[in-house]
Amino acid sequence: MNQQATSAPTTSERILNAAEDLFAEKGYSATSLGDVADRVGIRSPSLYNHFKNKEALYEAVLERLLTEFTAPQRELDSGPVTYERVFEWLETIVRWHHANPNLARLLQHAALSGGPHTNELIERLFRPMFQSGALIEGQAVEVFGDAGLQPWAVMAFNNLVMSYVTMAPMYRDLLGQDPFSEAALENQLNLIKSLLRAVFAYRGE
């Protein structure tokens, strides 16, 4: 994830940062190693000292993003799942996507035009959330009481979170504010939490 470090980034880190931004902006197919080298300010052959080819670079970008963004799910799964912890997990995920929209944008490109390791994206990022029959405070919870709707509920949640960071900039003028401002983030969080509370209330929880 692109974040400022306390020390100057290494050349490999600078390459990863540039590649992450470019893959998020243009997708895998439309991004060349020359684009990445130009963004970093080095010659293209120098990239091969750090990554053997474009796919290896893309894989490294995905690994860094997936390690970061799957951490909250691993944390949620590490102990008893309570409603409070579910809301904490949800807020963490939303805030992370606001802080770094590159993963959502990269996923959008992968969904539309493909790219290597797409199956790994699905398995590591989405599969854990698609497991039906989650236990919350010792009770099996199925959305709307229908196990068949569980995957659709997960997709709806992911669409709500990820499409915001890919589409909200189009609505900047309509919103009357920066969609990535703290105020906009709070509105997004309030909406998602309200919807989740409504689902739990409907379920009689």
C-alpha atoms as a PDB file:
ATOM      1  CA  MET A   1       0.000   0.000   0.000  1.00  0.00           C
ATOM      2  CA  ASN A   2       1.312   3.445  -0.835  1.00  0.00           C
ATOM      3  CA  GLN A   3       2.146   5.094   2.454  1.00  0.00           C
ATOM      4  CA  GLN A   4       4.895   7.429   3.508  1.00  0.00           C
ATOM      5  CA  ALA A   5       7.627   5.618   5.378  1.00  0.00           C
ATOM      6  CA  THR A   6       9.895   7.037   8.047  1.00  0.00           C
ATOM      7  CA  SER A   7      12.905   6.343   5.836  1.00  0.00           C
ATOM      8  CA  ALA A   8      13.451   6.804   2.121  1.00  0.00           C
ATOM      9  CA  PRO A   9      11.944   3.909   0.126  1.00  0.00           C
ATOM     10  CA  THR A  10      14.264   1.481  -1.594  1.00  0.00           C
ATOM     11  CA  THR A  11      14.282   1.237  -5.380  1.00  0.00           C
ATOM     12  CA  SER A  12      12.172  -1.931  -5.167  1.00  0.00           C
ATOM     13  CA  GLU A  13       9.613  -0.122  -3.018  1.00  0.00           C
ATOM     14  CA  ARG A  14       9.530   2.813  -5.415  1.00  0.00           C
ATOM     15  CA  ILE A  15       8.933   0.395  -8.286  1.00  0.00           C
ATOM     16  CA  LEU A  16       6.126  -1.317  -6.350  1.00  0.00           C
ATOM     17  CA  ASN A  17       4.522   2.016  -5.484  1.00  0.00           C
ATOM     18  CA  ALA A  18       4.618   3.191  -9.090  1.00  0.00           C
ATOM     19  CA  ALA A  19       3.395  -0.144 -10.428  1.00  0.00           C
ATOM     20  CA  GLU A  20       0.532  -0.245  -7.931  1.00  0.00           C
ATOM     21  CA  ASP A  21      -0.624   3.202  -9.015  1.00  0.00           C
ATOM     22  CA  LEU A  22      -0.347   2.362 -12.709  1.00  0.00           C
ATOM     23  CA  PHE A  23      -2.065  -1.022 -12.488  1.00  0.00           C
ATOM     24  CA  ALA A  24      -4.866   0.709 -10.568  1.00  0.00           C
ATOM     25  CA  GLU A  25      -5.102   3.505 -13.142  1.00  0.00           C
ATOM     26  CA  LYS A  26      -4.758   1.470 -16.352  1.00  0.00           C
ATOM     27  CA  GLY A  27      -5.091  -2.220 -15.569  1.00  0.00           C
ATOM     28  CA  TYR A  28      -2.602  -5.011 -16.142  1.00  0.00           C
ATOM     29  CA  SER A  29      -2.742  -5.226 -19.933  1.00  0.00           C
ATOM     30  CA  ALA A  30      -2.459  -1.484 -20.558  1.00  0.00           C
ATOM     31  CA  THR A  31       0.499  -0.997 -18.208  1.00  0.00           C
ATOM     32  CA  SER A  32       3.995  -1.597 -19.544  1.00  0.00           C
ATOM     33  CA  LEU A  33       7.271  -1.926 -17.706  1.00  0.00           C
ATOM     34  CA  GLY A  34       8.345   1.180 -19.589  1.00  0.00           C
ATOM     35  CA  ASP A  35       5.457   3.070 -17.978  1.00  0.00           C
ATOM     36  CA  VAL A  36       6.610   1.923 -14.558  1.00  0.00           C
ATOM     37  CA  ALA A  37      10.233   2.835 -15.248  1.00  0.00           C
ATOM     38  CA  ASP A  38       9.221   6.296 -16.441  1.00  0.00           C
ATOM     39  CA  ARG A  39       7.126   6.834 -13.315  1.00  0.00           C
ATOM     40  CA  VAL A  40      10.036   5.814 -11.079  1.00  0.00           C
ATOM     41  CA  GLY A  41      12.586   7.746 -13.126  1.00  0.00           C
ATOM     42  CA  ILE A  42      14.850   4.852 -14.035  1.00  0.00           C
ATOM     43  CA  ARG A  43      15.734   3.036 -17.261  1.00  0.00           C
ATOM     44  CA  SER A  44      13.546   0.052 -18.199  1.00  0.00           C
ATOM     45  CA  PRO A  45      16.380  -2.533 -18.064  1.00  0.00           C
ATOM     46  CA  SER A  46      16.974  -1.578 -14.439  1.00  0.00           C
ATOM     47  CA  LEU A  47      13.580  -3.017 -13.509  1.00  0.00           C
ATOM     48  CA  TYR A  48      14.832  -6.501 -14.279  1.00  0.00           C
ATOM     49  CA  ASN A  49      17.308  -6.210 -11.425  1.00  0.00           C
ATOM     50  CA  HIS A  50      14.280  -6.252  -9.097  1.00  0.00           C
ATOM     51  CA  PHE A  51      11.480  -8.095 -10.927  1.00  0.00           C
ATOM     52  CA  LYS A  52      11.972 -10.661 -13.682  1.00  0.00           C
ATOM     53  CA  ASN A  53       8.969  -9.557 -15.762  1.00  0.00           C
ATOM     54  CA  LYS A  54       5.653  -7.682 -15.644  1.00  0.00           C
ATOM     55  CA  GLU A  55       3.725 -10.608 -14.209  1.00  0.00           C
ATOM     56  CA  ALA A  56       6.196 -10.950 -11.333  1.00  0.00           C
ATOM     57  CA  LEU A  57       5.816  -7.238 -10.622  1.00  0.00           C
ATOM     58  CA  TYR A  58       2.026  -7.503 -10.731  1.00  0.00           C
ATOM     59  CA  GLU A  59       2.167 -10.512  -8.412  1.00  0.00           C
ATOM     60  CA  ALA A  60       4.291  -8.533  -5.929  1.00  0.00           C
ATOM     61  CA  VAL A  61       1.828  -5.631  -6.048  1.00  0.00           C
ATOM     62  CA  LEU A  62      -1.093  -7.995  -5.392  1.00  0.00           C
ATOM     63  CA  GLU A  63       0.736  -9.752  -2.567  1.00  0.00           C
ATOM     64  CA  ARG A  64       1.390  -6.486  -0.776  1.00  0.00           C
ATOM     65  CA  LEU A  65      -2.214  -5.323  -1.174  1.00  0.00           C
ATOM     66  CA  LEU A  66      -3.755  -8.672  -0.245  1.00  0.00           C
ATOM     67  CA  THR A  67      -1.565  -9.077   2.830  1.00  0.00           C
ATOM     68  CA  GLU A  68      -2.737  -5.667   4.005  1.00  0.00           C
ATOM     69  CA  PHE A  69      -6.411  -5.891   3.131  1.00  0.00           C
ATOM     70  CA  THR A  70      -7.021  -9.468   4.335  1.00  0.00           C
ATOM     71  CA  ALA A  71      -5.572  -8.737   7.774  1.00  0.00           C
ATOM     72  CA  PRO A  72      -8.907  -7.519   9.255  1.00  0.00           C
ATOM     73  CA  GLN A  73     -10.662 -10.710   8.112  1.00  0.00           C
ATOM     74  CA  ARG A  74      -7.927 -12.847   9.668  1.00  0.00           C
ATOM     75  CA  GLU A  75      -8.252 -10.836  12.867  1.00  0.00           C
ATOM     76  CA  LEU A  76     -12.041 -11.291  12.873  1.00  0.00           C
ATOM     77  CA  ASP A  77     -11.647 -15.042  12.398  1.00  0.00           C
ATOM     78  CA  SER A  78      -9.085 -15.333  15.207  1.00  0.00           C
ATOM     79  CA  GLY A  79     -11.600 -15.090  18.046  1.00  0.00           C
ATOM     80  CA  PRO A  80     -15.291 -15.153  18.942  1.00  0.00           C
ATOM     81  CA  VAL A  81     -17.293 -13.246  16.345  1.00  0.00           C
ATOM     82  CA  THR A  82     -19.538 -10.709  18.038  1.00  0.00           C
ATOM     83  CA  TYR A  83     -21.725  -8.003  16.548  1.00  0.00           C
ATOM     84  CA  GLU A  84     -19.341  -5.398  17.955  1.00  0.00           C
ATOM     85  CA  ARG A  85     -16.363  -7.038  16.259  1.00  0.00           C
ATOM     86  CA  VAL A  86     -18.268  -7.289  12.959  1.00  0.00           C
ATOM     87  CA  PHE A  87     -18.908  -3.534  13.021  1.00  0.00           C
ATOM     88  CA  GLU A  88     -15.260  -2.887  13.909  1.00  0.00           C
ATOM     89  CA  TRP A  89     -14.177  -5.074  10.979  1.00  0.00           C
ATOM     90  CA  LEU A  90     -16.555  -3.259   8.644  1.00  0.00           C
ATOM     91  CA  GLU A  91     -15.291   0.176   9.705  1.00  0.00           C
ATOM     92  CA  THR A  92     -11.671  -0.898   9.294  1.00  0.00           C
ATOM     93  CA  ILE A  93     -12.300  -2.189   5.763  1.00  0.00           C
ATOM     94  CA  VAL A  94     -14.147   0.957   4.692  1.00  0.00           C
ATOM     95  CA  ARG A  95     -11.473   3.246   6.129  1.00  0.00           C
ATOM     96  CA  TRP A  96      -8.677   1.281   4.453  1.00  0.00           C
ATOM     97  CA  HIS A  97     -10.366   1.478   1.057  1.00  0.00           C
ATOM     98  CA  HIS A  98     -10.799   5.229   1.481  1.00  0.00           C
ATOM     99  CA  ALA A  99      -7.142   5.581   2.489  1.00  0.00           C
ATOM    100  CA  ASN A 100      -5.947   3.544  -0.485  1.00  0.00           C
ATOM    101  CA  PRO A 101      -8.442   3.088  -3.355  1.00  0.00           C
ATOM    102  CA  ASN A 102      -5.868   1.280  -5.497  1.00  0.00           C
ATOM    103  CA  LEU A 103      -7.063  -2.217  -4.596  1.00  0.00           C
ATOM    104  CA  ALA A 104     -10.669  -1.463  -5.570  1.00  0.00           C
ATOM    105  CA  ARG A 105      -9.539   0.120  -8.831  1.00  0.00           C
ATOM    106  CA  LEU A 106      -7.224  -2.772  -9.605  1.00  0.00           C
ATOM    107  CA  LEU A 107     -10.055  -5.232  -8.902  1.00  0.00           C
ATOM    108  CA  GLN A 108     -12.325  -3.312 -11.249  1.00  0.00           C
ATOM    109  CA  HIS A 109      -9.784  -3.649 -14.062  1.00  0.00           C
ATOM    110  CA  ALA A 110      -9.317  -7.357 -13.280  1.00  0.00           C
ATOM    111  CA  ALA A 111     -13.085  -7.927 -13.409  1.00  0.00           C
ATOM    112  CA  LEU A 112     -13.446  -6.148 -16.755  1.00  0.00           C
ATOM    113  CA  SER A 113     -10.299  -7.177 -18.617  1.00  0.00           C
ATOM    114  CA  GLY A 114      -8.738  -9.976 -16.562  1.00  0.00           C
ATOM    115  CA  GLY A 115      -5.101 -10.448 -15.725  1.00  0.00           C
ATOM    116  CA  PRO A 116      -2.906 -13.018 -14.005  1.00  0.00           C
ATOM    117  CA  HIS A 117      -3.709 -14.271 -10.508  1.00  0.00           C
ATOM    118  CA  THR A 118      -7.379 -13.278 -10.716  1.00  0.00           C
ATOM    119  CA  ASN A 119      -8.365 -16.582  -9.096  1.00  0.00           C
ATOM    120  CA  GLU A 120      -5.994 -15.860  -6.227  1.00  0.00           C
ATOM    121  CA  LEU A 121      -7.685 -12.506  -5.722  1.00  0.00           C
ATOM    122  CA  ILE A 122     -11.038 -14.247  -5.473  1.00  0.00           C
ATOM    123  CA  GLU A 123      -9.839 -16.968  -3.114  1.00  0.00           C
ATOM    124  CA  ARG A 124      -7.888 -14.802  -0.712  1.00  0.00           C
ATOM    125  CA  LEU A 125     -10.003 -11.670  -0.654  1.00  0.00           C
ATOM    126  CA  PHE A 126     -13.563 -12.885  -1.166  1.00  0.00           C
ATOM    127  CA  ARG A 127     -13.756 -16.603  -0.379  1.00  0.00           C
ATOM    128  CA  PRO A 128     -13.530 -16.157   3.431  1.00  0.00           C
ATOM    129  CA  MET A 129     -16.506 -13.780   3.309  1.00  0.00           C
ATOM    130  CA  PHE A 130     -18.507 -16.189   1.139  1.00  0.00           C
ATOM    131  CA  GLN A 131     -18.534 -18.920   3.760  1.00  0.00           C
ATOM    132  CA  SER A 132     -22.169 -19.278   4.761  1.00  0.00           C
ATOM    133  CA  GLY A 133     -23.435 -20.035   8.221  1.00  0.00           C
ATOM    134  CA  ALA A 134     -21.189 -17.605  10.102  1.00  0.00           C
ATOM    135  CA  LEU A 135     -21.457 -17.834  13.875  1.00  0.00           C
ATOM    136  CA  ILE A 136     -22.080 -14.538  15.643  1.00  0.00           C
ATOM    137  CA  GLU A 137     -22.188 -14.754  19.434  1.00  0.00           C
ATOM    138  CA  GLY A 138     -22.776 -18.492  19.153  1.00  0.00           C
ATOM    139  CA  GLN A 139     -25.690 -18.262  16.743  1.00  0.00           C
ATOM    140  CA  ALA A 140     -25.661 -19.197  13.070  1.00  0.00           C
ATOM    141  CA  VAL A 141     -26.463 -16.109  11.019  1.00  0.00           C
ATOM    142  CA  GLU A 142     -27.777 -16.330   7.483  1.00  0.00           C
ATOM    143  CA  VAL A 143     -28.755 -13.105   5.748  1.00  0.00           C
ATOM    144  CA  PHE A 144     -32.569 -12.899   5.596  1.00  0.00           C
ATOM    145  CA  GLY A 145     -32.674 -16.474   6.902  1.00  0.00           C
ATOM    146  CA  ASP A 146     -31.775 -17.800   3.455  1.00  0.00           C
ATOM    147  CA  ALA A 147     -28.364 -19.422   3.003  1.00  0.00           C
ATOM    148  CA  GLY A 148     -28.690 -19.044  -0.753  1.00  0.00           C
ATOM    149  CA  LEU A 149     -28.584 -15.268  -0.407  1.00  0.00           C
ATOM    150  CA  GLN A 150     -25.351 -15.235   1.597  1.00  0.00           C
ATOM    151  CA  PRO A 151     -23.046 -14.877  -1.458  1.00  0.00           C
ATOM    152  CA  TRP A 152     -25.291 -12.172  -2.901  1.00  0.00           C
ATOM    153  CA  ALA A 153     -25.152 -10.269   0.373  1.00  0.00           C
ATOM    154  CA  VAL A 154     -21.343 -10.449   0.335  1.00  0.00           C
ATOM    155  CA  MET A 155     -21.259  -9.202  -3.256  1.00  0.00           C
ATOM    156  CA  ALA A 156     -23.629  -6.359  -2.381  1.00  0.00           C
ATOM    157  CA  PHE A 157     -21.437  -5.335   0.544  1.00  0.00           C
ATOM    158  CA  ASN A 158     -18.256  -5.426  -1.549  1.00  0.00           C
ATOM    159  CA  ASN A 159     -19.943  -3.488  -4.335  1.00  0.00           C
ATOM    160  CA  LEU A 160     -21.102  -0.855  -1.876  1.00  0.00           C
ATOM    161  CA  VAL A 161     -17.624  -0.405  -0.421  1.00  0.00           C
ATOM    162  CA  MET A 162     -15.438  -0.789  -3.501  1.00  0.00           C
ATOM    163  CA  SER A 163     -17.607   0.902  -6.106  1.00  0.00           C
ATOM    164  CA  TYR A 164     -17.661   3.964  -3.888  1.00  0.00           C
ATOM    165  CA  VAL A 165     -13.936   4.533  -4.249  1.00  0.00           C
ATOM    166  CA  THR A 166     -14.041   3.873  -8.012  1.00  0.00           C
ATOM    167  CA  MET A 167     -17.224   5.795  -8.861  1.00  0.00           C
ATOM    168  CA  ALA A 168     -17.646   8.488  -6.203  1.00  0.00           C
ATOM    169  CA  PRO A 169     -15.202  10.913  -7.898  1.00  0.00           C
ATOM    170  CA  MET A 170     -17.748  11.163 -10.733  1.00  0.00           C
ATOM    171  CA  TYR A 171     -20.257  12.514  -8.228  1.00  0.00           C
ATOM    172  CA  ARG A 172     -17.942  15.075  -6.648  1.00  0.00           C
ATOM    173  CA  ASP A 173     -20.000  18.059  -7.827  1.00  0.00           C
ATOM    174  CA  LEU A 174     -23.293  16.407  -6.911  1.00  0.00           C
ATOM    175  CA  LEU A 175     -21.975  15.559  -3.458  1.00  0.00           C
ATOM    176  CA  GLY A 176     -20.696  19.073  -3.010  1.00  0.00           C
ATOM    177  CA  GLN A 177     -17.593  17.747  -1.265  1.00  0.00           C
ATOM    178  CA  ASP A 178     -14.475  15.684  -1.788  1.00  0.00           C
ATOM    179  CA  PRO A 179     -15.673  12.051  -1.728  1.00  0.00           C
ATOM    180  CA  PHE A 180     -12.460  11.119   0.080  1.00  0.00           C
ATOM    181  CA  SER A 181     -12.811  13.752   2.777  1.00  0.00           C
ATOM    182  CA  GLU A 182     -13.343  12.743   6.392  1.00  0.00           C
ATOM    183  CA  ALA A 183     -16.919  14.065   6.264  1.00  0.00           C
ATOM    184  CA  ALA A 184     -17.708  11.941   3.200  1.00  0.00           C
ATOM    185  CA  LEU A 185     -16.106   8.914   4.835  1.00  0.00           C
ATOM    186  CA  GLU A 186     -18.323   9.340   7.890  1.00  0.00           C
ATOM    187  CA  ASN A 187     -21.408   9.500   5.654  1.00  0.00           C
ATOM    188  CA  GLN A 188     -20.349   6.305   3.889  1.00  0.00           C
ATOM    189  CA  LEU A 189     -19.731   4.543   7.198  1.00  0.00           C
ATOM    190  CA  ASN A 190     -23.074   5.674   8.607  1.00  0.00           C
ATOM    191  CA  LEU A 191     -24.883   4.390   5.520  1.00  0.00           C
ATOM    192  CA  ILE A 192     -23.243   0.954   5.596  1.00  0.00           C
ATOM    193  CA  LYS A 193     -23.701   0.560   9.353  1.00  0.00           C
ATOM    194  CA  SER A 194     -27.343   1.582   9.069  1.00  0.00           C
ATOM    195  CA  LEU A 195     -27.922  -1.034   6.372  1.00  0.00           C
ATOM    196  CA  LEU A 196     -26.234  -3.733   8.444  1.00  0.00           C
ATOM    197  CA  ARG A 197     -28.263  -2.796  11.528  1.00  0.00           C
ATOM    198  CA  ALA A 198     -31.423  -2.998   9.407  1.00  0.00           C
ATOM    199  CA  VAL A 199     -30.464  -6.520   8.294  1.00  0.00           C
ATOM    200  CA  PHE A 200     -29.860  -7.615  11.883  1.00  0.00           C
ATOM    201  CA  ALA A 201     -33.139  -6.020  12.991  1.00  0.00           C
ATOM    202  CA  TYR A 202     -34.988  -7.799  10.179  1.00  0.00           C
ATOM    203  CA  ARG A 203     -33.478 -11.061  11.339  1.00  0.00           C
ATOM    204  CA  GLY A 204     -34.760 -10.347  14.826  1.00  0.00           C
ATOM    205  CA  GLU A 205     -31.242 -10.141  16.205  1.00  0.00           C
END
